[in-house]
């Protein structure tokens, strides 16, 4: 896939510092992508067969969105700001490899940028790490992105599995496993994420 020209980063941010350490398993062997290309995680037949249907492949299961932690079977904590105009967000997220009970359970830590209401006009950009045996077929924490422009009804999907998200970085593979991972009373490792609005 040809690489688009990267948009200008926000003032005070250095893109080379953001990717100064690469913690993805695919690149530890010395593999890299030539300038003008991007790394893409291969979609296998097994990846597609794990989905409930071809139409649902790479998409979230629609559930009501709530800001509290009382939704059925879905535990989460949320910190948020509202009431102003924001043009981006930055987060540093500690990476773990939590055990999940079965193929349909998952765990994640993400930055979630929301626009619109929690109705049909909800727009989101999501990025972070997730352990999802259903999506990836293993229990590695993997870097992911997700987007929707209609509250997960007809648009959006994970990573590069559908159109609507354009990757420009040739050193980070979306959907790739992250290593090393944090451990209890051991080393702590994190990823830094930056999402910002670009006017084309």
Foldseek 3Di string as FASTA:
>chain_A
DFFDDDFDDDPPDDVCVQPVDAFFPVPPVPDFDDAGDADEDDDDPVLCVLDPHNLCRQADDQDQDDQAQPPPPRGDHDDDDDDDDDFKDKDKFWFAQDDDDDQADKDWDWDWDWDDDSAQQIWIKIWGWMQHCSNQVGRATFTKIWIDRGNRDRDIGIDPPDPDDHDRDGRHYHGTGGDDHDDDVDDIDIHMDMDGDDDD
